[in-house]
Amino acid sequence: MSSHRALLPRSTPAASGVSSRAIGALLDRLEARSVEVHSIMVVRHGHVAAEGWWAPYAAERPHLLYSLTKSFTSVAAGLAIADGLLSLGDRVVDVLPEHVPAGLGEQGRRLTVHHLLSMTTGHTRDSLAEAWELEPDDLVKGFLRVPFPEPEGSWHAYDNATTGVLARIVERVTGRGLPELLDERLFHPMGIDHAEWDRLSSGAVFGFHGLHLTTEAVAAFGQVLLHGGVWGDRQLIPRAWVDLATSRHIATQQDPELLPNPDGLTGYGYQFWMSRHGYRGEGAYGQLCVVVPAHDLVVAVTAGGDPHQEMPGALWELLLPGLDDPGSARDDEVLAERLGRLSFPLPRGSADPSRSATADIDASAEASALPDGTTVTVEPVDGGWHLRLGPSLKLAAGHGDWRESSPLGRPVVAAGAWQGDTFIADLFVITSPHRVRLVLDAGAGVAIATWSTVPMTTSDLRLHLRSPLMTRPDVA
């Protein structure tokens, strides 16, 4: 576990002009509608007014940001442009000529950095899976081979591959890997020393996903943007780039696969979403960095469900009306007590310390996290258990408490209990939005291990325990 160092000063909701009752109402809304949140941080006037983590998630834990990563790739592109190494009008085919497929049409040859940043290449849907199917070892070439039904610049389609191509362009012109560039120019000057990245099997980072940061680091990033790229007395991101990247460049359409959300229809910038108030970086399963300059407000959220329907709309309905209408010191105390008690429930049942069991995984269960036939063994130890998954993977699980282990480099936090002849354990892949529920029927000798939400990269739990995770989305 990384050490936690405060990046932002602390205050109270009342001193920051934030209503504790409004934050409480926001928590009530999320709880009532079963929105799975892992952390929340509200920053007003540069001070953290409220913060909370649902245990076993904690302040010092980096959390996978999924597509919120894109906003950091945008910053990297802005740095390259400010350094004179890249321009918005540079063409993909000129910067990455060895990735150009034979017979590429004129539209593919016209595509520029601007089109990648704004996701206006002419694709009408996400091209990632098709691009990798066409070219499993060359995403840039695969992206250029996917047909472009619309003229470039005329249509926005949320397209992960565009940001993957952009990452390779930034790395080409700077001669630096994306992590190294952002460490030197952004993270380390801010005091962030724990940025982690998932990677492709080649070792390169995705660019469109895969960055892990703490909640406070995400909030601090929002604060840098709010201040026009300034952190302390340093201009880390050019102000002109912040203004350009967080301005609307193209209209957006309702995603037919998602329930209607008005904030999905407010336009897209350069790897930032516009919002009804301010703008935001956003990642799958509820990762958010919301910046509202008009209210000097930043809200960072990590989550593990699908709060698309609730966020950021709940902020506008419940949090904004409580700004500049702070309550009493007692209201702040009540909220602080509530935020300090946030937790996922521990599995209920007995420890049964003399009992062990062995079973084989039935992978026919939907969202299975382990291959069919994997042997699972439950061994009692020190008021908890060792869980053996297969011949060599051993995890620790507590009874009545969370226990941590890192058998392959990435931490897992787990707890379990016996309920009659059934052993149940929750395994949190704690630096991600995902967890696994293990249910072992000792009498039948059968177990299932299922994801709460299936990771977008691979469903194999064993790969998610490796650091760094090196994979790519599966291609049918």
Protein backbone atom coordinates (compact mmCIF):
# COMPACT_ATOMS: atom_id res chain seq x y z
CA MET A 1 0.00 0.00 0.00
CA SER A 2 1.35 3.41 -0.91
CA SER A 3 1.82 6.06 1.74
CA HIS A 4 -0.80 8.78 1.66
CA ARG A 5 0.30 12.39 1.50
CA ALA A 6 -2.22 15.21 1.46
CA LEU A 7 -2.24 17.16 -1.80
CA LEU A 8 -5.00 19.61 -0.91
CA PRO A 9 -5.71 21.59 2.28
CA ARG A 10 -8.69 20.61 4.43
CA SER A 11 -11.59 22.68 5.67
CA THR A 12 -15.14 22.09 6.86
CA PRO A 13 -18.24 22.22 4.69
CA ALA A 14 -19.51 25.33 6.48
CA ALA A 15 -16.19 27.17 6.12
CA SER A 16 -16.15 26.28 2.41
CA GLY A 17 -19.68 27.44 1.78
CA VAL A 18 -21.06 23.93 1.32
CA SER A 19 -24.14 22.52 3.01
CA SER A 20 -23.47 19.31 4.93
CA ARG A 21 -27.16 18.55 4.63
CA ALA A 22 -26.89 18.78 0.84
CA ILE A 23 -23.99 16.31 0.83
CA GLY A 24 -26.02 14.05 3.11
CA ALA A 25 -28.93 14.24 0.69
CA LEU A 26 -26.58 13.27 -2.13
CA LEU A 27 -25.44 10.22 -0.16
CA ASP A 28 -29.07 9.36 0.57
CA ARG A 29 -29.92 9.52 -3.15
CA LEU A 30 -27.03 7.28 -4.17
CA GLU A 31 -27.84 4.78 -1.43
CA ALA A 32 -31.57 4.72 -2.16
CA ARG A 33 -30.92 4.04 -5.84
CA SER A 34 -28.24 1.40 -5.15
CA VAL A 35 -25.45 3.33 -6.84
CA GLU A 36 -22.22 1.65 -5.78
CA VAL A 37 -19.78 4.40 -4.84
CA HIS A 38 -16.25 3.73 -3.58
CA SER A 39 -15.20 7.26 -2.71
CA ILE A 40 -16.25 10.88 -2.95
CA MET A 41 -14.37 14.14 -2.43
CA VAL A 42 -15.87 17.62 -2.60
CA VAL A 43 -13.43 20.51 -3.06
CA ARG A 44 -14.63 24.10 -2.75
CA HIS A 45 -12.46 27.23 -2.92
CA GLY A 46 -9.39 24.98 -3.11
CA HIS A 47 -10.10 23.12 0.15
CA VAL A 48 -11.43 19.62 0.69
CA ALA A 49 -14.80 20.24 2.32
CA ALA A 50 -15.90 16.60 2.55
CA GLU A 51 -14.38 13.20 1.77
CA GLY A 52 -15.29 9.59 2.33
CA TRP A 53 -14.37 6.05 1.30
CA TRP A 54 -16.51 2.93 1.54
CA ALA A 55 -14.30 0.41 3.36
CA PRO A 56 -12.32 -1.57 2.36
CA TYR A 57 -11.58 1.24 -0.13
CA ALA A 58 -9.38 3.87 1.49
CA ALA A 59 -7.74 7.23 0.89
CA GLU A 60 -4.32 5.82 0.07
CA ARG A 61 -5.59 3.35 -2.53
CA PRO A 62 -5.12 4.16 -6.22
CA HIS A 63 -8.27 3.29 -8.17
CA LEU A 64 -8.58 2.32 -11.84
CA LEU A 65 -10.05 5.31 -13.69
CA TYR A 66 -10.99 3.60 -16.95
CA SER A 67 -11.76 6.31 -19.55
CA LEU A 68 -11.08 9.20 -17.18
CA THR A 69 -7.54 8.33 -18.30
CA LYS A 70 -8.39 10.03 -21.62
CA SER A 71 -8.38 13.47 -20.00
CA PHE A 72 -4.78 12.92 -18.87
CA THR A 73 -3.81 11.84 -22.39
CA SER A 74 -5.32 15.12 -23.58
CA VAL A 75 -3.02 16.99 -21.21
CA ALA A 76 -0.04 15.08 -22.57
CA ALA A 77 -1.04 16.10 -26.10
CA GLY A 78 -1.36 19.70 -24.94
CA LEU A 79 2.15 19.62 -23.50
CA ALA A 80 3.55 18.27 -26.77
CA ILE A 81 1.75 21.01 -28.69
CA ALA A 82 3.00 23.72 -26.31
CA ASP A 83 6.54 22.41 -26.76
CA GLY A 84 6.25 22.84 -30.53
CA LEU A 85 6.51 19.09 -31.15
CA LEU A 86 2.96 18.63 -32.41
CA SER A 87 0.09 20.65 -33.86
CA LEU A 88 -3.64 20.14 -34.11
CA GLY A 89 -3.34 19.95 -37.87
CA ASP A 90 -0.70 17.22 -37.96
CA ARG A 91 -1.93 14.17 -39.83
CA VAL A 92 -1.84 10.66 -38.39
CA VAL A 93 -0.30 9.29 -41.58
CA ASP A 94 2.60 11.77 -41.37
CA VAL A 95 3.44 11.18 -37.69
CA LEU A 96 3.04 7.38 -37.78
CA PRO A 97 3.80 6.46 -41.41
CA GLU A 98 4.80 2.87 -40.70
CA HIS A 99 1.29 2.17 -39.37
CA VAL A 100 -0.53 3.29 -42.53
CA PRO A 101 -2.34 0.37 -44.20
CA ALA A 102 -1.99 -0.20 -47.91
CA GLY A 103 -4.76 1.38 -49.94
CA LEU A 104 -5.86 3.83 -47.25
CA GLY A 105 -8.51 6.18 -48.62
CA GLU A 106 -8.33 9.95 -48.75
CA GLN A 107 -10.38 10.49 -45.61
CA GLY A 108 -8.06 8.29 -43.57
CA ARG A 109 -5.14 10.28 -44.92
CA ARG A 110 -6.74 13.58 -43.90
CA LEU A 111 -7.29 12.66 -40.24
CA THR A 112 -5.52 14.99 -37.84
CA VAL A 113 -4.73 15.35 -34.16
CA HIS A 114 -7.80 17.57 -33.85
CA HIS A 115 -10.03 14.77 -35.14
CA LEU A 116 -8.54 12.32 -32.65
CA LEU A 117 -8.89 14.68 -29.70
CA SER A 118 -12.51 15.53 -30.50
CA MET A 119 -13.42 11.99 -31.65
CA THR A 120 -14.68 13.30 -34.99
CA THR A 121 -12.82 10.99 -37.38
CA GLY A 122 -16.00 9.89 -39.16
CA HIS A 123 -16.59 6.66 -37.26
CA THR A 124 -20.18 6.39 -36.02
CA ARG A 125 -19.42 3.96 -33.18
CA ASP A 126 -16.52 2.76 -31.09
CA SER A 127 -14.04 1.19 -33.50
CA LEU A 128 -11.82 -0.48 -30.89
CA ALA A 129 -12.95 -4.10 -31.14
CA GLU A 130 -13.07 -4.04 -34.94
CA ALA A 131 -9.68 -2.33 -35.16
CA TRP A 132 -8.05 -5.00 -33.01
CA GLU A 133 -9.80 -7.75 -34.91
CA LEU A 134 -8.43 -6.38 -38.17
CA GLU A 135 -4.93 -5.79 -36.78
CA PRO A 136 -4.40 -7.64 -33.46
CA ASP A 137 -0.87 -6.28 -33.04
CA ASP A 138 -1.29 -2.76 -34.45
CA LEU A 139 -4.19 -0.68 -33.15
CA VAL A 140 -3.23 2.35 -35.27
CA LYS A 141 -3.33 0.38 -38.49
CA GLY A 142 -6.53 -1.37 -37.44
CA PHE A 143 -8.17 1.96 -36.60
CA LEU A 144 -7.33 3.35 -40.04
CA ARG A 145 -8.76 0.23 -41.69
CA VAL A 146 -12.17 0.59 -40.04
CA PRO A 147 -14.49 2.35 -42.56
CA PHE A 148 -15.43 6.00 -41.97
CA PRO A 149 -19.16 6.38 -42.77
CA GLU A 150 -19.30 10.13 -42.04
CA PRO A 151 -17.03 13.00 -43.17
CA GLU A 152 -14.30 13.88 -40.69
CA GLY A 153 -15.20 16.71 -38.35
CA SER A 154 -18.95 16.29 -38.82
CA TRP A 155 -19.95 13.65 -36.27
CA HIS A 156 -18.92 12.68 -32.75
CA ALA A 157 -18.73 9.01 -31.85
CA TYR A 158 -17.20 7.91 -28.57
CA ASP A 159 -14.24 5.96 -29.91
CA ASN A 160 -11.59 4.49 -27.63
CA ALA A 161 -9.26 3.79 -30.53
CA THR A 162 -8.87 7.50 -31.31
CA THR A 163 -7.25 8.07 -27.92
CA GLY A 164 -5.07 4.99 -28.35
CA VAL A 165 -3.77 6.45 -31.61
CA LEU A 166 -3.31 9.84 -29.94
CA ALA A 167 -1.18 8.25 -27.20
CA ARG A 168 1.13 6.68 -29.78
CA ILE A 169 1.44 10.05 -31.57
CA VAL A 170 2.36 11.86 -28.34
CA GLU A 171 4.94 9.22 -27.53
CA ARG A 172 6.41 9.40 -31.04
CA VAL A 173 6.89 13.17 -31.10
CA THR A 174 8.12 13.48 -27.49
CA GLY A 175 10.28 10.38 -27.45
CA ARG A 176 8.78 9.57 -24.04
CA GLY A 177 6.31 7.03 -22.79
CA LEU A 178 3.04 8.57 -21.64
CA PRO A 179 3.66 7.64 -17.97
CA GLU A 180 7.15 9.14 -17.98
CA LEU A 181 5.97 12.35 -19.66
CA LEU A 182 3.09 12.86 -17.23
CA ASP A 183 5.23 11.93 -14.23
CA GLU A 184 7.79 14.58 -15.13
CA ARG A 185 5.47 17.36 -16.23
CA LEU A 186 2.34 16.87 -14.12
CA PHE A 187 2.29 14.21 -11.42
CA HIS A 188 5.61 14.69 -9.69
CA PRO A 189 5.35 18.50 -9.58
CA MET A 190 1.96 18.03 -7.93
CA GLY A 191 3.37 15.59 -5.39
CA ILE A 192 1.69 12.53 -6.94
CA ASP A 193 4.12 9.63 -6.78
CA HIS A 194 1.76 6.67 -7.03
CA ALA A 195 0.35 6.79 -10.60
CA GLU A 196 -0.01 3.22 -11.87
CA TRP A 197 -0.87 2.09 -15.40
CA ASP A 198 -2.34 -1.05 -16.93
CA ARG A 199 -0.54 -1.95 -20.12
CA LEU A 200 -0.83 -3.70 -23.44
CA SER A 201 1.00 -6.98 -23.83
CA SER A 202 3.72 -4.97 -25.62
CA GLY A 203 4.32 -2.94 -22.46
CA ALA A 204 2.84 0.29 -23.86
CA VAL A 205 -0.03 1.95 -21.99
CA PHE A 206 -3.50 2.03 -23.50
CA GLY A 207 -3.87 5.80 -23.39
CA PHE A 208 -7.66 5.55 -23.44
CA HIS A 209 -7.85 3.67 -20.13
CA GLY A 210 -5.67 2.06 -17.49
CA LEU A 211 -4.50 4.89 -15.22
CA HIS A 212 -4.83 4.31 -11.45
CA LEU A 213 -4.85 7.31 -9.09
CA THR A 214 -6.14 8.06 -5.61
CA THR A 215 -9.35 10.01 -5.24
CA GLU A 216 -7.41 13.00 -3.96
CA ALA A 217 -5.09 12.93 -6.96
CA VAL A 218 -8.14 13.03 -9.24
CA ALA A 219 -9.54 15.96 -7.25
CA ALA A 220 -6.18 17.74 -7.36
CA PHE A 221 -6.12 17.29 -11.15
CA GLY A 222 -9.53 18.93 -11.29
CA GLN A 223 -8.20 21.77 -9.17
CA VAL A 224 -5.29 22.31 -11.57
CA LEU A 225 -7.77 22.55 -14.44
CA LEU A 226 -9.99 24.90 -12.44
CA HIS A 227 -7.00 27.22 -11.95
CA GLY A 228 -6.11 27.25 -15.64
CA GLY A 229 -3.28 24.73 -15.36
CA VAL A 230 -1.63 26.25 -12.28
CA TRP A 231 -0.50 24.25 -9.25
CA GLY A 232 0.94 26.37 -6.46
CA ASP A 233 3.16 28.86 -8.24
CA ARG A 234 3.80 26.70 -11.32
CA GLN A 235 2.02 26.69 -14.67
CA LEU A 236 2.00 22.91 -15.25
CA ILE A 237 -0.50 22.86 -18.12
CA PRO A 238 -0.66 25.79 -20.55
CA ARG A 239 -3.74 27.87 -19.79
CA ALA A 240 -4.56 28.05 -23.48
CA TRP A 241 -4.69 24.24 -23.60
CA VAL A 242 -6.95 23.97 -20.56
CA ASP A 243 -9.32 26.47 -22.15
CA LEU A 244 -9.24 24.70 -25.50
CA ALA A 245 -9.52 21.15 -24.21
CA THR A 246 -12.44 21.94 -21.89
CA SER A 247 -14.43 23.85 -24.52
CA ARG A 248 -17.11 22.27 -26.69
CA HIS A 249 -15.86 21.24 -30.13
CA ILE A 250 -18.68 18.99 -31.30
CA ALA A 251 -22.27 18.11 -30.45
CA THR A 252 -22.95 14.72 -28.88
CA GLN A 253 -25.79 12.25 -29.38
CA GLN A 254 -27.62 9.99 -26.96
CA ASP A 255 -25.89 6.62 -26.67
CA PRO A 256 -28.59 4.09 -27.58
CA GLU A 257 -27.06 1.55 -25.17
CA LEU A 258 -27.47 3.89 -22.18
CA LEU A 259 -30.47 5.36 -20.45
CA PRO A 260 -31.06 9.05 -21.29
CA ASN A 261 -28.84 11.49 -19.40
CA PRO A 262 -28.98 15.23 -20.21
CA ASP A 263 -25.27 15.62 -19.46
CA GLY A 264 -24.49 13.21 -22.28
CA LEU A 265 -25.96 15.68 -24.77
CA THR A 266 -23.98 18.80 -23.87
CA GLY A 267 -21.05 18.31 -26.23
CA TYR A 268 -17.48 17.05 -26.26
CA GLY A 269 -14.16 18.88 -26.02
CA TYR A 270 -10.70 17.43 -26.35
CA GLN A 271 -11.11 14.23 -24.31
CA PHE A 272 -13.38 16.03 -21.85
CA TRP A 273 -17.17 15.92 -21.67
CA MET A 274 -19.10 19.13 -21.39
CA SER A 275 -21.74 19.23 -18.63
CA ARG A 276 -24.79 21.31 -17.85
CA HIS A 277 -22.48 22.96 -15.34
CA GLY A 278 -18.78 23.04 -16.18
CA TYR A 279 -17.14 19.95 -17.63
CA ARG A 280 -15.94 16.52 -16.60
CA GLY A 281 -13.61 13.63 -17.18
CA GLU A 282 -15.49 10.35 -16.97
CA GLY A 283 -14.69 6.64 -16.86
CA ALA A 284 -16.66 3.41 -16.94
CA TYR A 285 -18.44 2.24 -13.79
CA GLY A 286 -18.64 5.76 -12.38
CA GLN A 287 -15.17 7.34 -12.28
CA LEU A 288 -15.65 11.11 -12.32
CA CYS A 289 -13.75 14.36 -12.11
CA VAL A 290 -16.33 17.15 -12.27
CA VAL A 291 -15.10 20.76 -12.56
CA VAL A 292 -17.55 23.64 -12.13
CA PRO A 293 -15.64 26.93 -12.52
CA ALA A 294 -18.70 29.09 -11.91
CA HIS A 295 -18.94 27.69 -8.37
CA ASP A 296 -15.21 27.16 -7.71
CA LEU A 297 -16.08 23.49 -7.23
CA VAL A 298 -14.45 20.13 -7.97
CA VAL A 299 -16.01 16.77 -7.20
CA ALA A 300 -14.10 13.50 -7.57
CA VAL A 301 -15.86 10.14 -7.43
CA THR A 302 -14.72 6.54 -7.80
CA ALA A 303 -17.33 3.83 -8.13
CA GLY A 304 -18.00 0.26 -9.15
CA GLY A 305 -21.44 0.21 -10.68
CA ASP A 306 -23.16 2.17 -13.41
CA PRO A 307 -24.23 5.55 -11.99
CA HIS A 308 -24.60 7.08 -15.47
CA GLN A 309 -28.27 7.78 -14.84
CA GLU A 310 -27.60 9.49 -11.49
CA MET A 311 -24.34 11.37 -11.99
CA PRO A 312 -23.50 14.14 -12.45
CA GLY A 313 -27.19 15.08 -12.40
CA ALA A 314 -27.51 14.39 -8.67
CA LEU A 315 -24.81 17.00 -8.07
CA TRP A 316 -26.86 19.64 -9.87
CA GLU A 317 -30.08 18.69 -8.10
CA LEU A 318 -28.73 18.23 -4.57
CA LEU A 319 -25.24 19.69 -4.13
CA LEU A 320 -25.40 22.96 -6.07
CA PRO A 321 -28.49 24.28 -4.25
CA GLY A 322 -26.57 23.85 -1.00
CA LEU A 323 -23.62 26.00 -2.03
CA ASP A 324 -23.23 29.27 -0.17
CA ASP A 325 -25.94 28.13 2.24
CA PRO A 326 -23.86 26.31 4.85
CA GLY A 327 -25.43 24.84 7.92
CA SER A 328 -24.24 24.63 11.49
CA ALA A 329 -21.10 23.15 13.01
CA ARG A 330 -23.33 20.32 14.27
CA ASP A 331 -24.41 19.56 10.69
CA ASP A 332 -20.72 19.27 9.77
CA GLU A 333 -20.11 16.90 12.68
CA VAL A 334 -23.02 14.66 11.71
CA LEU A 335 -21.76 14.47 8.12
CA ALA A 336 -18.17 13.75 9.23
CA GLU A 337 -19.41 10.91 11.43
CA ARG A 338 -21.39 9.46 8.56
CA LEU A 339 -18.49 9.73 6.10
CA GLY A 340 -16.22 8.00 8.61
CA ARG A 341 -18.58 5.00 8.88
CA LEU A 342 -18.98 4.28 5.18
CA SER A 343 -18.40 0.60 4.46
CA PHE A 344 -19.38 -2.40 2.40
CA PRO A 345 -21.04 -5.07 4.55
CA LEU A 346 -18.88 -7.96 5.67
CA PRO A 347 -20.18 -11.44 4.79
CA ARG A 348 -22.39 -12.73 7.56
CA GLY A 349 -21.98 -16.13 9.16
CA SER A 350 -19.67 -18.13 11.40
CA ALA A 351 -15.93 -18.67 11.37
CA ASP A 352 -16.16 -22.43 12.01
CA PRO A 353 -12.38 -22.47 12.61
CA SER A 354 -11.98 -26.24 12.37
CA ARG A 355 -13.61 -26.57 8.97
CA SER A 356 -11.90 -26.74 5.60
CA ALA A 357 -13.38 -27.49 2.19
CA THR A 358 -12.47 -28.11 -1.43
CA ALA A 359 -14.58 -27.62 -4.54
CA ASP A 360 -14.23 -27.10 -8.30
CA ILE A 361 -15.31 -23.96 -10.12
CA ASP A 362 -18.41 -24.14 -12.29
CA ALA A 363 -17.66 -21.48 -14.91
CA SER A 364 -21.09 -21.72 -16.51
CA ALA A 365 -22.23 -19.06 -14.05
CA GLU A 366 -22.63 -15.67 -15.70
CA ALA A 367 -19.60 -13.36 -15.22
CA SER A 368 -17.36 -16.18 -13.99
CA ALA A 369 -13.99 -14.95 -12.75
CA LEU A 370 -12.14 -18.28 -12.92
CA PRO A 371 -11.85 -21.04 -15.54
CA ASP A 372 -14.06 -24.09 -15.33
CA GLY A 373 -12.68 -26.82 -13.09
CA THR A 374 -10.33 -24.56 -11.09
CA THR A 375 -9.90 -26.17 -7.66
CA VAL A 376 -10.78 -23.90 -4.74
CA THR A 377 -9.69 -24.76 -1.20
CA VAL A 378 -10.76 -23.03 2.02
CA GLU A 379 -8.23 -23.47 4.84
CA PRO A 380 -8.87 -21.96 8.31
CA VAL A 381 -6.02 -19.89 9.76
CA ASP A 382 -5.76 -17.26 12.53
CA GLY A 383 -9.45 -16.39 12.72
CA GLY A 384 -9.80 -16.30 8.97
CA TRP A 385 -8.87 -18.35 5.96
CA HIS A 386 -6.40 -18.98 3.21
CA LEU A 387 -8.24 -19.33 -0.08
CA ARG A 388 -6.38 -21.37 -2.67
CA LEU A 389 -7.50 -20.77 -6.23
CA GLY A 390 -5.82 -23.34 -8.42
CA PRO A 391 -2.44 -24.89 -7.65
CA SER A 392 -0.46 -21.77 -6.76
CA LEU A 393 -2.69 -18.77 -5.98
CA LYS A 394 -3.31 -18.14 -2.26
CA LEU A 395 -5.38 -15.26 -0.86
CA ALA A 396 -6.07 -14.19 2.72
CA ALA A 397 -9.64 -13.64 3.92
CA GLY A 398 -10.78 -12.44 7.34
CA HIS A 399 -13.82 -13.22 9.42
CA GLY A 400 -15.37 -10.01 10.67
CA ASP A 401 -12.54 -7.99 9.15
CA TRP A 402 -10.88 -7.36 5.81
CA ARG A 403 -7.51 -8.98 5.11
CA GLU A 404 -5.08 -8.05 2.38
CA SER A 405 -2.74 -10.17 0.29
CA SER A 406 -0.80 -9.60 -2.93
CA PRO A 407 0.15 -13.03 -4.25
CA LEU A 408 0.93 -11.80 -7.77
CA GLY A 409 1.75 -8.15 -7.07
CA ARG A 410 -1.66 -6.45 -7.00
CA PRO A 411 -3.58 -6.32 -3.70
CA VAL A 412 -6.77 -8.19 -2.93
CA VAL A 413 -8.81 -7.43 0.19
CA ALA A 414 -11.17 -10.19 1.28
CA ALA A 415 -13.51 -11.39 4.01
CA GLY A 416 -15.70 -14.48 4.32
CA ALA A 417 -18.03 -16.58 6.47
CA TRP A 418 -19.70 -19.97 6.66
CA GLN A 419 -23.47 -20.09 6.22
CA GLY A 420 -24.33 -23.69 6.95
CA ASP A 421 -22.58 -25.85 4.33
CA THR A 422 -21.86 -22.82 2.15
CA PHE A 423 -18.76 -20.68 2.37
CA ILE A 424 -19.09 -17.13 1.03
CA ALA A 425 -16.30 -14.60 0.48
CA ASP A 426 -16.02 -11.19 -1.13
CA LEU A 427 -12.71 -10.56 -2.90
CA PHE A 428 -12.07 -6.90 -3.69
CA VAL A 429 -9.51 -6.21 -6.40
CA ILE A 430 -9.02 -3.09 -4.39
CA THR A 431 -7.23 -0.87 -6.92
CA SER A 432 -10.08 -1.38 -9.39
CA PRO A 433 -13.86 -0.93 -9.47
CA HIS A 434 -14.33 -4.72 -9.37
CA ARG A 435 -14.85 -7.47 -6.82
CA VAL A 436 -15.59 -11.20 -6.93
CA ARG A 437 -18.17 -13.10 -4.87
CA LEU A 438 -16.99 -16.65 -4.11
CA VAL A 439 -19.70 -19.16 -3.13
CA LEU A 440 -18.54 -22.67 -2.26
CA ASP A 441 -21.00 -25.50 -1.62
CA ALA A 442 -19.02 -27.89 0.54
CA GLY A 443 -21.59 -30.70 0.26
CA ALA A 444 -21.77 -30.62 -3.53
CA GLY A 445 -18.08 -29.87 -4.05
CA VAL A 446 -18.97 -27.05 -6.45
CA ALA A 447 -18.03 -23.36 -6.32
CA ILE A 448 -18.81 -20.29 -8.37
CA ALA A 449 -16.76 -17.09 -8.52
CA THR A 450 -18.55 -14.19 -10.20
CA TRP A 451 -17.69 -10.56 -10.83
CA SER A 452 -19.87 -7.78 -9.43
CA THR A 453 -19.14 -5.96 -12.70
CA VAL A 454 -17.04 -7.67 -15.34
CA PRO A 455 -13.76 -5.84 -16.08
CA MET A 456 -13.50 -4.50 -19.61
CA THR A 457 -10.08 -6.00 -20.22
CA THR A 458 -10.36 -9.65 -19.18
CA SER A 459 -12.65 -11.70 -16.96
CA ASP A 460 -9.78 -13.88 -15.68
CA LEU A 461 -9.25 -12.91 -12.03
CA ARG A 462 -5.71 -14.27 -12.09
CA LEU A 463 -4.59 -11.67 -14.63
CA HIS A 464 -6.06 -8.86 -12.52
CA LEU A 465 -3.83 -9.85 -9.62
CA ARG A 466 -0.67 -9.16 -11.61
CA SER A 467 1.03 -5.78 -11.46
CA PRO A 468 1.02 -4.30 -13.96
CA LEU A 469 -1.98 -5.87 -15.62
CA MET A 470 -0.77 -6.59 -19.16
CA THR A 471 -3.55 -7.48 -21.52
CA ARG A 472 -5.88 -5.94 -24.05
CA PRO A 473 -9.64 -6.20 -24.52
CA ASP A 474 -10.67 -9.59 -25.78
CA VAL A 475 -11.65 -9.68 -29.45
CA ALA A 476 -14.41 -12.04 -30.56
